[in-house]
Amino acid sequence: AHHFIYDTMDLVFALAIVFGLASPILFEK
């Protein structure tokens, strides 16, 4: 997907979703 991955905003949206899902798993403090 090299023509799209750094050329649109969709990867940032995906990061927000992944961060939201990963946080309860990784941050236990």
mmCIF file of all heavy atoms, coordinates in Angstrom:
data_MODEL
# 
_entry.id   MODEL 
# 
loop_
_atom_site.group_PDB 
_atom_site.id 
_atom_site.type_symbol 
_atom_site.label_atom_id 
_atom_site.label_alt_id 
_atom_site.label_comp_id 
_atom_site.label_asym_id 
_atom_site.label_entity_id 
_atom_site.label_seq_id 
_atom_site.pdbx_PDB_ins_code 
_atom_site.Cartn_x 
_atom_site.Cartn_y 
_atom_site.Cartn_z 
_atom_site.occupancy 
_atom_site.B_iso_or_equiv 
_atom_site.pdbx_formal_charge 
_atom_site.auth_seq_id 
_atom_site.auth_comp_id 
_atom_site.auth_asym_id 
_atom_site.auth_atom_id 
_atom_site.pdbx_PDB_model_num 
ATOM 1   N N   . ALA A 1 1  ? 0.826   -1.214 0.000  1.00 0.00 ? 1  ALA A N   1 
ATOM 2   C CA  . ALA A 1 1  ? 0.000   0.000  0.000  1.00 0.00 ? 1  ALA A CA  1 
ATOM 3   C C   . ALA A 1 1  ? 0.856   1.259  0.000  1.00 0.00 ? 1  ALA A C   1 
ATOM 4   O O   . ALA A 1 1  ? 0.417   2.304  0.495  1.00 0.00 ? 1  ALA A O   1 
ATOM 5   C CB  . ALA A 1 1  ? -0.925  -0.011 1.213  1.00 0.00 ? 1  ALA A CB  1 
ATOM 6   N N   . HIS A 1 2  ? 2.056   1.193  -0.565 1.00 0.00 ? 2  HIS A N   1 
ATOM 7   C CA  . HIS A 1 2  ? 3.005   2.311  -0.460 1.00 0.00 ? 2  HIS A CA  1 
ATOM 8   C C   . HIS A 1 2  ? 2.505   3.596  -1.113 1.00 0.00 ? 2  HIS A C   1 
ATOM 9   O O   . HIS A 1 2  ? 2.969   4.676  -0.764 1.00 0.00 ? 2  HIS A O   1 
ATOM 10  C CB  . HIS A 1 2  ? 4.367   1.916  -1.048 1.00 0.00 ? 2  HIS A CB  1 
ATOM 11  C CG  . HIS A 1 2  ? 4.351   1.658  -2.515 1.00 0.00 ? 2  HIS A CG  1 
ATOM 12  N ND1 . HIS A 1 2  ? 3.901   0.472  -3.056 1.00 0.00 ? 2  HIS A ND1 1 
ATOM 13  C CD2 . HIS A 1 2  ? 4.738   2.429  -3.554 1.00 0.00 ? 2  HIS A CD2 1 
ATOM 14  C CE1 . HIS A 1 2  ? 4.009   0.530  -4.373 1.00 0.00 ? 2  HIS A CE1 1 
ATOM 15  N NE2 . HIS A 1 2  ? 4.505   1.694  -4.700 1.00 0.00 ? 2  HIS A NE2 1 
ATOM 16  N N   . HIS A 1 3  ? 1.571   3.512  -2.042 1.00 0.00 ? 3  HIS A N   1 
ATOM 17  C CA  . HIS A 1 3  ? 1.025   4.725  -2.657 1.00 0.00 ? 3  HIS A CA  1 
ATOM 18  C C   . HIS A 1 3  ? -0.011  5.411  -1.762 1.00 0.00 ? 3  HIS A C   1 
ATOM 19  O O   . HIS A 1 3  ? -0.424  6.533  -2.051 1.00 0.00 ? 3  HIS A O   1 
ATOM 20  C CB  . HIS A 1 3  ? 0.383   4.390  -4.003 1.00 0.00 ? 3  HIS A CB  1 
ATOM 21  C CG  . HIS A 1 3  ? 1.388   4.136  -5.080 1.00 0.00 ? 3  HIS A CG  1 
ATOM 22  N ND1 . HIS A 1 3  ? 1.044   3.674  -6.332 1.00 0.00 ? 3  HIS A ND1 1 
ATOM 23  C CD2 . HIS A 1 3  ? 2.731   4.274  -5.087 1.00 0.00 ? 3  HIS A CD2 1 
ATOM 24  C CE1 . HIS A 1 3  ? 2.139   3.548  -7.066 1.00 0.00 ? 3  HIS A CE1 1 
ATOM 25  N NE2 . HIS A 1 3  ? 3.170   3.904  -6.332 1.00 0.00 ? 3  HIS A NE2 1 
ATOM 26  N N   . PHE A 1 4  ? -0.430  4.743  -0.695 1.00 0.00 ? 4  PHE A N   1 
ATOM 27  C CA  . PHE A 1 4  ? -1.507  5.267  0.138  1.00 0.00 ? 4  PHE A CA  1 
ATOM 28  C C   . PHE A 1 4  ? -1.110  5.476  1.596  1.00 0.00 ? 4  PHE A C   1 
ATOM 29  O O   . PHE A 1 4  ? -1.637  6.372  2.249  1.00 0.00 ? 4  PHE A O   1 
ATOM 30  C CB  . PHE A 1 4  ? -2.721  4.311  0.112  1.00 0.00 ? 4  PHE A CB  1 
ATOM 31  C CG  . PHE A 1 4  ? -3.277  4.080  -1.261 1.00 0.00 ? 4  PHE A CG  1 
ATOM 32  C CD1 . PHE A 1 4  ? -2.859  3.005  -2.027 1.00 0.00 ? 4  PHE A CD1 1 
ATOM 33  C CD2 . PHE A 1 4  ? -4.218  4.948  -1.801 1.00 0.00 ? 4  PHE A CD2 1 
ATOM 34  C CE1 . PHE A 1 4  ? -3.369  2.786  -3.299 1.00 0.00 ? 4  PHE A CE1 1 
ATOM 35  C CE2 . PHE A 1 4  ? -4.735  4.748  -3.072 1.00 0.00 ? 4  PHE A CE2 1 
ATOM 36  C CZ  . PHE A 1 4  ? -4.306  3.660  -3.825 1.00 0.00 ? 4  PHE A CZ  1 
ATOM 37  N N   . ILE A 1 5  ? -0.202  4.655  2.110  1.00 0.00 ? 5  ILE A N   1 
ATOM 38  C CA  . ILE A 1 5  ? 0.012   4.599  3.549  1.00 0.00 ? 5  ILE A CA  1 
ATOM 39  C C   . ILE A 1 5  ? 0.480   5.924  4.136  1.00 0.00 ? 5  ILE A C   1 
ATOM 40  O O   . ILE A 1 5  ? 0.048   6.328  5.216  1.00 0.00 ? 5  ILE A O   1 
ATOM 41  C CB  . ILE A 1 5  ? 0.989   3.450  3.905  1.00 0.00 ? 5  ILE A CB  1 
ATOM 42  C CG1 . ILE A 1 5  ? 1.147   3.333  5.415  1.00 0.00 ? 5  ILE A CG1 1 
ATOM 43  C CG2 . ILE A 1 5  ? 2.320   3.613  3.225  1.00 0.00 ? 5  ILE A CG2 1 
ATOM 44  C CD1 . ILE A 1 5  ? 1.911   2.114  5.859  1.00 0.00 ? 5  ILE A CD1 1 
ATOM 45  N N   . TYR A 1 6  ? 1.368   6.663  3.437  1.00 0.00 ? 6  TYR A N   1 
ATOM 46  C CA  . TYR A 1 6  ? 1.838   7.957  3.942  1.00 0.00 ? 6  TYR A CA  1 
ATOM 47  C C   . TYR A 1 6  ? 1.248   9.127  3.161  1.00 0.00 ? 6  TYR A C   1 
ATOM 48  O O   . TYR A 1 6  ? 1.695   10.259 3.312  1.00 0.00 ? 6  TYR A O   1 
ATOM 49  C CB  . TYR A 1 6  ? 3.373   8.039  3.879  1.00 0.00 ? 6  TYR A CB  1 
ATOM 50  C CG  . TYR A 1 6  ? 4.090   7.010  4.723  1.00 0.00 ? 6  TYR A CG  1 
ATOM 51  C CD1 . TYR A 1 6  ? 5.352   6.562  4.388  1.00 0.00 ? 6  TYR A CD1 1 
ATOM 52  C CD2 . TYR A 1 6  ? 3.491   6.483  5.872  1.00 0.00 ? 6  TYR A CD2 1 
ATOM 53  C CE1 . TYR A 1 6  ? 6.023   5.613  5.161  1.00 0.00 ? 6  TYR A CE1 1 
ATOM 54  C CE2 . TYR A 1 6  ? 4.144   5.542  6.639  1.00 0.00 ? 6  TYR A CE2 1 
ATOM 55  C CZ  . TYR A 1 6  ? 5.401   5.105  6.281  1.00 0.00 ? 6  TYR A CZ  1 
ATOM 56  O OH  . TYR A 1 6  ? 6.053   4.162  7.053  1.00 0.00 ? 6  TYR A OH  1 
ATOM 57  N N   . ASP A 1 7  ? 0.250   8.858  2.360  1.00 0.00 ? 7  ASP A N   1 
ATOM 58  C CA  . ASP A 1 7  ? -0.306  9.894  1.493  1.00 0.00 ? 7  ASP A CA  1 
ATOM 59  C C   . ASP A 1 7  ? -1.714  10.311 1.898  1.00 0.00 ? 7  ASP A C   1 
ATOM 60  O O   . ASP A 1 7  ? -2.262  11.248 1.337  1.00 0.00 ? 7  ASP A O   1 
ATOM 61  C CB  . ASP A 1 7  ? -0.321  9.400  0.033  1.00 0.00 ? 7  ASP A CB  1 
ATOM 62  C CG  . ASP A 1 7  ? -0.506  10.528 -0.959 1.00 0.00 ? 7  ASP A CG  1 
ATOM 63  O OD1 . ASP A 1 7  ? 0.357   11.424 -0.994 1.00 0.00 ? 7  ASP A OD1 1 
ATOM 64  O OD2 . ASP A 1 7  ? -1.519  10.524 -1.676 1.00 0.00 ? 7  ASP A OD2 1 
ATOM 65  N N   . THR A 1 8  ? -2.309  9.607  2.868  1.00 0.00 ? 8  THR A N   1 
ATOM 66  C CA  . THR A 1 8  ? -3.661  9.941  3.309  1.00 0.00 ? 8  THR A CA  1 
ATOM 67  C C   . THR A 1 8  ? -3.667  10.073 4.837  1.00 0.00 ? 8  THR A C   1 
ATOM 68  O O   . THR A 1 8  ? -2.632  9.957  5.481  1.00 0.00 ? 8  THR A O   1 
ATOM 69  C CB  . THR A 1 8  ? -4.667  8.852  2.890  1.00 0.00 ? 8  THR A CB  1 
ATOM 70  O OG1 . THR A 1 8  ? -4.381  7.638  3.606  1.00 0.00 ? 8  THR A OG1 1 
ATOM 71  C CG2 . THR A 1 8  ? -4.578  8.573  1.390  1.00 0.00 ? 8  THR A CG2 1 
ATOM 72  N N   . MET A 1 9  ? -4.831  10.269 5.410  1.00 0.00 ? 9  MET A N   1 
ATOM 73  C CA  . MET A 1 9  ? -4.965  10.406 6.862  1.00 0.00 ? 9  MET A CA  1 
ATOM 74  C C   . MET A 1 9  ? -5.397  9.108  7.532  1.00 0.00 ? 9  MET A C   1 
ATOM 75  O O   . MET A 1 9  ? -5.526  9.035  8.758  1.00 0.00 ? 9  MET A O   1 
ATOM 76  C CB  . MET A 1 9  ? -5.998  11.478 7.184  1.00 0.00 ? 9  MET A CB  1 
ATOM 77  C CG  . MET A 1 9  ? -7.371  11.179 6.605  1.00 0.00 ? 9  MET A CG  1 
ATOM 78  S SD  . MET A 1 9  ? -8.695  12.139 7.353  1.00 0.00 ? 9  MET A SD  1 
ATOM 79  C CE  . MET A 1 9  ? -8.756  11.392 8.965  1.00 0.00 ? 9  MET A CE  1 
ATOM 80  N N   . ASP A 1 10 ? -5.608  8.055  6.745  1.00 0.00 ? 10 ASP A N   1 
ATOM 81  C CA  . ASP A 1 10 ? -6.220  6.835  7.272  1.00 0.00 ? 10 ASP A CA  1 
ATOM 82  C C   . ASP A 1 10 ? -5.333  6.094  8.256  1.00 0.00 ? 10 ASP A C   1 
ATOM 83  O O   . ASP A 1 10 ? -5.824  5.414  9.153  1.00 0.00 ? 10 ASP A O   1 
ATOM 84  C CB  . ASP A 1 10 ? -6.617  5.925  6.111  1.00 0.00 ? 10 ASP A CB  1 
ATOM 85  C CG  . ASP A 1 10 ? -7.690  6.554  5.252  1.00 0.00 ? 10 ASP A CG  1 
ATOM 86  O OD1 . ASP A 1 10 ? -8.872  6.414  5.585  1.00 0.00 ? 10 ASP A OD1 1 
ATOM 87  O OD2 . ASP A 1 10 ? -7.345  7.238  4.274  1.00 0.00 ? 10 ASP A OD2 1 
ATOM 88  N N   . LEU A 1 11 ? -4.022  6.206  8.112  1.00 0.00 ? 11 LEU A N   1 
ATOM 89  C CA  . LEU A 1 11 ? -3.125  5.543  9.048  1.00 0.00 ? 11 LEU A CA  1 
ATOM 90  C C   . LEU A 1 11 ? -3.204  6.178  10.436 1.00 0.00 ? 11 LEU A C   1 
ATOM 91  O O   . LEU A 1 11 ? -3.088  5.492  11.455 1.00 0.00 ? 11 LEU A O   1 
ATOM 92  C CB  . LEU A 1 11 ? -1.691  5.587  8.534  1.00 0.00 ? 11 LEU A CB  1 
ATOM 93  C CG  . LEU A 1 11 ? -0.709  4.633  9.220  1.00 0.00 ? 11 LEU A CG  1 
ATOM 94  C CD1 . LEU A 1 11 ? -1.057  3.192  8.880  1.00 0.00 ? 11 LEU A CD1 1 
ATOM 95  C CD2 . LEU A 1 11 ? 0.720   4.938  8.813  1.00 0.00 ? 11 LEU A CD2 1 
ATOM 96  N N   . VAL A 1 12 ? -3.427  7.484  10.498 1.00 0.00 ? 12 VAL A N   1 
ATOM 97  C CA  . VAL A 1 12 ? -3.561  8.165  11.793 1.00 0.00 ? 12 VAL A CA  1 
ATOM 98  C C   . VAL A 1 12 ? -4.851  7.724  12.477 1.00 0.00 ? 12 VAL A C   1 
ATOM 99  O O   . VAL A 1 12 ? -4.883  7.516  13.701 1.00 0.00 ? 12 VAL A O   1 
ATOM 100 C CB  . VAL A 1 12 ? -3.526  9.687  11.606 1.00 0.00 ? 12 VAL A CB  1 
ATOM 101 C CG1 . VAL A 1 12 ? -3.659  10.402 12.942 1.00 0.00 ? 12 VAL A CG1 1 
ATOM 102 C CG2 . VAL A 1 12 ? -2.232  10.113 10.919 1.00 0.00 ? 12 VAL A CG2 1 
ATOM 103 N N   . PHE A 1 13 ? -5.912  7.583  11.706 1.00 0.00 ? 13 PHE A N   1 
ATOM 104 C CA  . PHE A 1 13 ? -7.166  7.064  12.245 1.00 0.00 ? 13 PHE A CA  1 
ATOM 105 C C   . PHE A 1 13 ? -6.972  5.654  12.792 1.00 0.00 ? 13 PHE A C   1 
ATOM 106 O O   . PHE A 1 13 ? -7.446  5.325  13.899 1.00 0.00 ? 13 PHE A O   1 
ATOM 107 C CB  . PHE A 1 13 ? -8.230  7.076  11.144 1.00 0.00 ? 13 PHE A CB  1 
ATOM 108 C CG  . PHE A 1 13 ? -9.524  6.408  11.519 1.00 0.00 ? 13 PHE A CG  1 
ATOM 109 C CD1 . PHE A 1 13 ? -10.313 6.912  12.540 1.00 0.00 ? 13 PHE A CD1 1 
ATOM 110 C CD2 . PHE A 1 13 ? -9.961  5.288  10.835 1.00 0.00 ? 13 PHE A CD2 1 
ATOM 111 C CE1 . PHE A 1 13 ? -11.523 6.295  12.887 1.00 0.00 ? 13 PHE A CE1 1 
ATOM 112 C CE2 . PHE A 1 13 ? -11.162 4.665  11.173 1.00 0.00 ? 13 PHE A CE2 1 
ATOM 113 C CZ  . PHE A 1 13 ? -11.933 5.171  12.198 1.00 0.00 ? 13 PHE A CZ  1 
ATOM 114 N N   . ALA A 1 14 ? -6.253  4.820  12.039 1.00 0.00 ? 14 ALA A N   1 
ATOM 115 C CA  . ALA A 1 14 ? -5.969  3.456  12.489 1.00 0.00 ? 14 ALA A CA  1 
ATOM 116 C C   . ALA A 1 14 ? -5.148  3.470  13.773 1.00 0.00 ? 14 ALA A C   1 
ATOM 117 O O   . ALA A 1 14 ? -5.375  2.650  14.669 1.00 0.00 ? 14 ALA A O   1 
ATOM 118 C CB  . ALA A 1 14 ? -5.240  2.682  11.395 1.00 0.00 ? 14 ALA A CB  1 
ATOM 119 N N   . LEU A 1 15 ? -4.196  4.404  13.885 1.00 0.00 ? 15 LEU A N   1 
ATOM 120 C CA  . LEU A 1 15 ? -3.384  4.505  15.094 1.00 0.00 ? 15 LEU A CA  1 
ATOM 121 C C   . LEU A 1 15 ? -4.251  4.826  16.308 1.00 0.00 ? 15 LEU A C   1 
ATOM 122 O O   . LEU A 1 15 ? -4.059  4.245  17.389 1.00 0.00 ? 15 LEU A O   1 
ATOM 123 C CB  . LEU A 1 15 ? -2.311  5.583  14.923 1.00 0.00 ? 15 LEU A CB  1 
ATOM 124 C CG  . LEU A 1 15 ? -1.517  5.957  16.189 1.00 0.00 ? 15 LEU A CG  1 
ATOM 125 C CD1 . LEU A 1 15 ? -0.806  4.738  16.753 1.00 0.00 ? 15 LEU A CD1 1 
ATOM 126 C CD2 . LEU A 1 15 ? -0.533  7.080  15.898 1.00 0.00 ? 15 LEU A CD2 1 
ATOM 127 N N   . ALA A 1 16 ? -5.200  5.732  16.151 1.00 0.00 ? 16 ALA A N   1 
ATOM 128 C CA  . ALA A 1 16 ? -6.077  6.084  17.270 1.00 0.00 ? 16 ALA A CA  1 
ATOM 129 C C   . ALA A 1 16 ? -6.876  4.866  17.731 1.00 0.00 ? 16 ALA A C   1 
ATOM 130 O O   . ALA A 1 16 ? -7.030  4.628  18.936 1.00 0.00 ? 16 ALA A O   1 
ATOM 131 C CB  . ALA A 1 16 ? -7.015  7.217  16.859 1.00 0.00 ? 16 ALA A CB  1 
ATOM 132 N N   . ILE A 1 17 ? -7.375  4.071  16.785 1.00 0.00 ? 17 ILE A N   1 
ATOM 133 C CA  . ILE A 1 17 ? -8.126  2.863  17.143 1.00 0.00 ? 17 ILE A CA  1 
ATOM 134 C C   . ILE A 1 17 ? -7.221  1.863  17.853 1.00 0.00 ? 17 ILE A C   1 
ATOM 135 O O   . ILE A 1 17 ? -7.578  1.302  18.895 1.00 0.00 ? 17 ILE A O   1 
ATOM 136 C CB  . ILE A 1 17 ? -8.744  2.222  15.881 1.00 0.00 ? 17 ILE A CB  1 
ATOM 137 C CG1 . ILE A 1 17 ? -9.799  3.137  15.265 1.00 0.00 ? 17 ILE A CG1 1 
ATOM 138 C CG2 . ILE A 1 17 ? -9.369  0.868  16.227 1.00 0.00 ? 17 ILE A CG2 1 
ATOM 139 C CD1 . ILE A 1 17 ? -10.423 2.592  14.000 1.00 0.00 ? 17 ILE A CD1 1 
ATOM 140 N N   . VAL A 1 18 ? -6.032  1.637  17.291 1.00 0.00 ? 18 VAL A N   1 
ATOM 141 C CA  . VAL A 1 18 ? -5.097  0.672  17.874 1.00 0.00 ? 18 VAL A CA  1 
ATOM 142 C C   . VAL A 1 18 ? -4.665  1.113  19.271 1.00 0.00 ? 18 VAL A C   1 
ATOM 143 O O   . VAL A 1 18 ? -4.579  0.301  20.199 1.00 0.00 ? 18 VAL A O   1 
ATOM 144 C CB  . VAL A 1 18 ? -3.866  0.494  16.961 1.00 0.00 ? 18 VAL A CB  1 
ATOM 145 C CG1 . VAL A 1 18 ? -2.781  -0.324 17.645 1.00 0.00 ? 18 VAL A CG1 1 
ATOM 146 C CG2 . VAL A 1 18 ? -4.275  -0.188 15.654 1.00 0.00 ? 18 VAL A CG2 1 
ATOM 147 N N   . PHE A 1 19 ? -4.401  2.399  19.440 1.00 0.00 ? 19 PHE A N   1 
ATOM 148 C CA  . PHE A 1 19 ? -4.014  2.918  20.757 1.00 0.00 ? 19 PHE A CA  1 
ATOM 149 C C   . PHE A 1 19 ? -5.129  2.692  21.768 1.00 0.00 ? 19 PHE A C   1 
ATOM 150 O O   . PHE A 1 19 ? -4.884  2.305  22.917 1.00 0.00 ? 19 PHE A O   1 
ATOM 151 C CB  . PHE A 1 19 ? -3.677  4.404  20.662 1.00 0.00 ? 19 PHE A CB  1 
ATOM 152 C CG  . PHE A 1 19 ? -3.346  5.034  21.986 1.00 0.00 ? 19 PHE A CG  1 
ATOM 153 C CD1 . PHE A 1 19 ? -2.128  4.784  22.602 1.00 0.00 ? 19 PHE A CD1 1 
ATOM 154 C CD2 . PHE A 1 19 ? -4.247  5.886  22.618 1.00 0.00 ? 19 PHE A CD2 1 
ATOM 155 C CE1 . PHE A 1 19 ? -1.825  5.355  23.831 1.00 0.00 ? 19 PHE A CE1 1 
ATOM 156 C CE2 . PHE A 1 19 ? -3.949  6.459  23.843 1.00 0.00 ? 19 PHE A CE2 1 
ATOM 157 C CZ  . PHE A 1 19 ? -2.728  6.192  24.449 1.00 0.00 ? 19 PHE A CZ  1 
ATOM 158 N N   . GLY A 1 20 ? -6.369  2.932  21.352 1.00 0.00 ? 20 GLY A N   1 
ATOM 159 C CA  . GLY A 1 20 ? -7.500  2.722  22.243 1.00 0.00 ? 20 GLY A CA  1 
ATOM 160 C C   . GLY A 1 20 ? -7.670  1.273  22.644 1.00 0.00 ? 20 GLY A C   1 
ATOM 161 O O   . GLY A 1 20 ? -8.050  0.969  23.782 1.00 0.00 ? 20 GLY A O   1 
ATOM 162 N N   . LEU A 1 21 ? -7.375  0.345  21.733 1.00 0.00 ? 21 LEU A N   1 
ATOM 163 C CA  . LEU A 1 21 ? -7.512  -1.076 22.030 1.00 0.00 ? 21 LEU A CA  1 
ATOM 164 C C   . LEU A 1 21 ? -6.331  -1.604 22.838 1.00 0.00 ? 21 LEU A C   1 
ATOM 165 O O   . LEU A 1 21 ? -6.485  -2.473 23.698 1.00 0.00 ? 21 LEU A O   1 
ATOM 166 C CB  . LEU A 1 21 ? -7.633  -1.871 20.719 1.00 0.00 ? 21 LEU A CB  1 
ATOM 167 C CG  . LEU A 1 21 ? -8.884  -1.611 19.879 1.00 0.00 ? 21 LEU A CG  1 
ATOM 168 C CD1 . LEU A 1 21 ? -8.785  -2.346 18.553 1.00 0.00 ? 21 LEU A CD1 1 
ATOM 169 C CD2 . LEU A 1 21 ? -10.134 -2.049 20.629 1.00 0.00 ? 21 LEU A CD2 1 
ATOM 170 N N   . ALA A 1 22 ? -5.144  -1.080 22.545 1.00 0.00 ? 22 ALA A N   1 
ATOM 171 C CA  . ALA A 1 22 ? -3.935  -1.593 23.192 1.00 0.00 ? 22 ALA A CA  1 
ATOM 172 C C   . ALA A 1 22 ? -3.751  -1.067 24.609 1.00 0.00 ? 22 ALA A C   1 
ATOM 173 O O   . ALA A 1 22 ? -3.153  -1.751 25.458 1.00 0.00 ? 22 ALA A O   1 
ATOM 174 C CB  . ALA A 1 22 ? -2.709  -1.244 22.345 1.00 0.00 ? 22 ALA A CB  1 
ATOM 175 N N   . SER A 1 23 ? -4.247  0.123  24.882 1.00 0.00 ? 23 SER A N   1 
ATOM 176 C CA  . SER A 1 23 ? -3.995  0.761  26.184 1.00 0.00 ? 23 SER A CA  1 
ATOM 177 C C   . SER A 1 23 ? -4.465  -0.065 27.381 1.00 0.00 ? 23 SER A C   1 
ATOM 178 O O   . SER A 1 23 ? -3.709  -0.246 28.346 1.00 0.00 ? 23 SER A O   1 
ATOM 179 C CB  . SER A 1 23 ? -4.633  2.148  26.219 1.00 0.00 ? 23 SER A CB  1 
ATOM 180 O OG  . SER A 1 23 ? -3.977  3.020  25.323 1.00 0.00 ? 23 SER A OG  1 
ATOM 181 N N   . PRO A 1 24 ? -5.701  -0.597 27.384 1.00 0.00 ? 24 PRO A N   1 
ATOM 182 C CA  . PRO A 1 24 ? -6.111  -1.404 28.540 1.00 0.00 ? 24 PRO A CA  1 
ATOM 183 C C   . PRO A 1 24 ? -5.262  -2.658 28.718 1.00 0.00 ? 24 PRO A C   1 
ATOM 184 O O   . PRO A 1 24 ? -5.181  -3.204 29.822 1.00 0.00 ? 24 PRO A O   1 
ATOM 185 C CB  . PRO A 1 24 ? -7.575  -1.773 28.202 1.00 0.00 ? 24 PRO A CB  1 
ATOM 186 C CG  . PRO A 1 24 ? -8.019  -0.739 27.239 1.00 0.00 ? 24 PRO A CG  1 
ATOM 187 C CD  . PRO A 1 24 ? -6.803  -0.419 26.420 1.00 0.00 ? 24 PRO A CD  1 
ATOM 188 N N   . ILE A 1 25 ? -4.633  -3.119 27.641 1.00 0.00 ? 25 ILE A N   1 
ATOM 189 C CA  . ILE A 1 25 ? -3.805  -4.323 27.705 1.00 0.00 ? 25 ILE A CA  1 
ATOM 190 C C   . ILE A 1 25 ? -2.416  -4.002 28.238 1.00 0.00 ? 25 ILE A C   1 
ATOM 191 O O   . ILE A 1 25 ? -1.846  -4.756 29.039 1.00 0.00 ? 25 ILE A O   1 
ATOM 192 C CB  . ILE A 1 25 ? -3.681  -4.964 26.303 1.00 0.00 ? 25 ILE A CB  1 
ATOM 193 C CG1 . ILE A 1 25 ? -5.067  -5.306 25.748 1.00 0.00 ? 25 ILE A CG1 1 
ATOM 194 C CG2 . ILE A 1 25 ? -2.798  -6.206 26.336 1.00 0.00 ? 25 ILE A CG2 1 
ATOM 195 C CD1 . ILE A 1 25 ? -5.069  -5.711 24.291 1.00 0.00 ? 25 ILE A CD1 1 
ATOM 196 N N   . LEU A 1 26 ? -1.865  -2.861 27.828 1.00 0.00 ? 26 LEU A N   1 
ATOM 197 C CA  . LEU A 1 26 ? -0.463  -2.551 28.120 1.00 0.00 ? 26 LEU A CA  1 
ATOM 198 C C   . LEU A 1 26 ? -0.261  -1.701 29.362 1.00 0.00 ? 26 LEU A C   1 
ATOM 199 O O   . LEU A 1 26 ? 0.769   -1.810 30.029 1.00 0.00 ? 26 LEU A O   1 
ATOM 200 C CB  . LEU A 1 26 ? 0.157   -1.831 26.909 1.00 0.00 ? 26 LEU A CB  1 
ATOM 201 C CG  . LEU A 1 26 ? 0.134   -2.592 25.582 1.00 0.00 ? 26 LEU A CG  1 
ATOM 202 C CD1 . LEU A 1 26 ? 0.765   -1.741 24.486 1.00 0.00 ? 26 LEU A CD1 1 
ATOM 203 C CD2 . LEU A 1 26 ? 0.863   -3.921 25.709 1.00 0.00 ? 26 LEU A CD2 1 
ATOM 204 N N   . PHE A 1 27 ? -1.218  -0.830 29.673 1.00 0.00 ? 27 PHE A N   1 
ATOM 205 C CA  . PHE A 1 27 ? -1.056  0.074  30.815 1.00 0.00 ? 27 PHE A CA  1 
ATOM 206 C C   . PHE A 1 27 ? -1.840  -0.468 32.004 1.00 0.00 ? 27 PHE A C   1 
ATOM 207 O O   . PHE A 1 27 ? -3.055  -0.309 32.077 1.00 0.00 ? 27 PHE A O   1 
ATOM 208 C CB  . PHE A 1 27 ? -1.524  1.484  30.464 1.00 0.00 ? 27 PHE A CB  1 
ATOM 209 C CG  . PHE A 1 27 ? -0.779  2.099  29.323 1.00 0.00 ? 27 PHE A CG  1 
ATOM 210 C CD1 . PHE A 1 27 ? -1.390  2.258  28.086 1.00 0.00 ? 27 PHE A CD1 1 
ATOM 211 C CD2 . PHE A 1 27 ? 0.538   2.508  29.472 1.00 0.00 ? 27 PHE A CD2 1 
ATOM 212 C CE1 . PHE A 1 27 ? -0.704  2.828  27.033 1.00 0.00 ? 27 PHE A CE1 1 
ATOM 213 C CE2 . PHE A 1 27 ? 1.226   3.077  28.425 1.00 0.00 ? 27 PHE A CE2 1 
ATOM 214 C CZ  . PHE A 1 27 ? 0.609   3.239  27.194 1.00 0.00 ? 27 PHE A CZ  1 
ATOM 215 N N   . GLU A 1 28 ? -1.140  -1.093 32.907 1.00 0.00 ? 28 GLU A N   1 
ATOM 216 C CA  . GLU A 1 28 ? -1.806  -1.727 34.043 1.00 0.00 ? 28 GLU A CA  1 
ATOM 217 C C   . GLU A 1 28 ? -1.705  -0.910 35.326 1.00 0.00 ? 28 GLU A C   1 
ATOM 218 O O   . GLU A 1 28 ? -2.255  -1.286 36.345 1.00 0.00 ? 28 GLU A O   1 
ATOM 219 C CB  . GLU A 1 28 ? -1.197  -3.112 34.279 1.00 0.00 ? 28 GLU A CB  1 
ATOM 220 C CG  . GLU A 1 28 ? -1.419  -4.067 33.110 1.00 0.00 ? 28 GLU A CG  1 
ATOM 221 C CD  . GLU A 1 28 ? -0.806  -5.429 33.355 1.00 0.00 ? 28 GLU A CD  1 
ATOM 222 O OE1 . GLU A 1 28 ? 0.153   -5.483 34.163 1.00 0.00 ? 28 GLU A OE1 1 
ATOM 223 O OE2 . GLU A 1 28 ? -1.270  -6.408 32.773 1.00 0.00 ? 28 GLU A OE2 1 
ATOM 224 N N   . LYS A 1 29 ? -0.985  0.201  35.283 1.00 0.00 ? 29 LYS A N   1 
ATOM 225 C CA  . LYS A 1 29 ? -0.845  1.020  36.483 1.00 0.00 ? 29 LYS A CA  1 
ATOM 226 C C   . LYS A 1 29 ? -2.191  1.622  36.878 1.00 0.00 ? 29 LYS A C   1 
ATOM 227 O O   . LYS A 1 29 ? -3.048  1.863  36.045 1.00 0.00 ? 29 LYS A O   1 
ATOM 228 C CB  . LYS A 1 29 ? 0.178   2.139  36.255 1.00 0.00 ? 29 LYS A CB  1 
ATOM 229 C CG  . LYS A 1 29 ? 1.613   1.633  36.107 1.00 0.00 ? 29 LYS A CG  1 
ATOM 230 C CD  . LYS A 1 29 ? 2.578   2.792  35.979 1.00 0.00 ? 29 LYS A CD  1 
ATOM 231 C CE  . LYS A 1 29 ? 4.014   2.278  35.871 1.00 0.00 ? 29 LYS A CE  1 
ATOM 232 N NZ  . LYS A 1 29 ? 4.977   3.403  35.754 1.00 0.00 ? 29 LYS A NZ  1 
# 
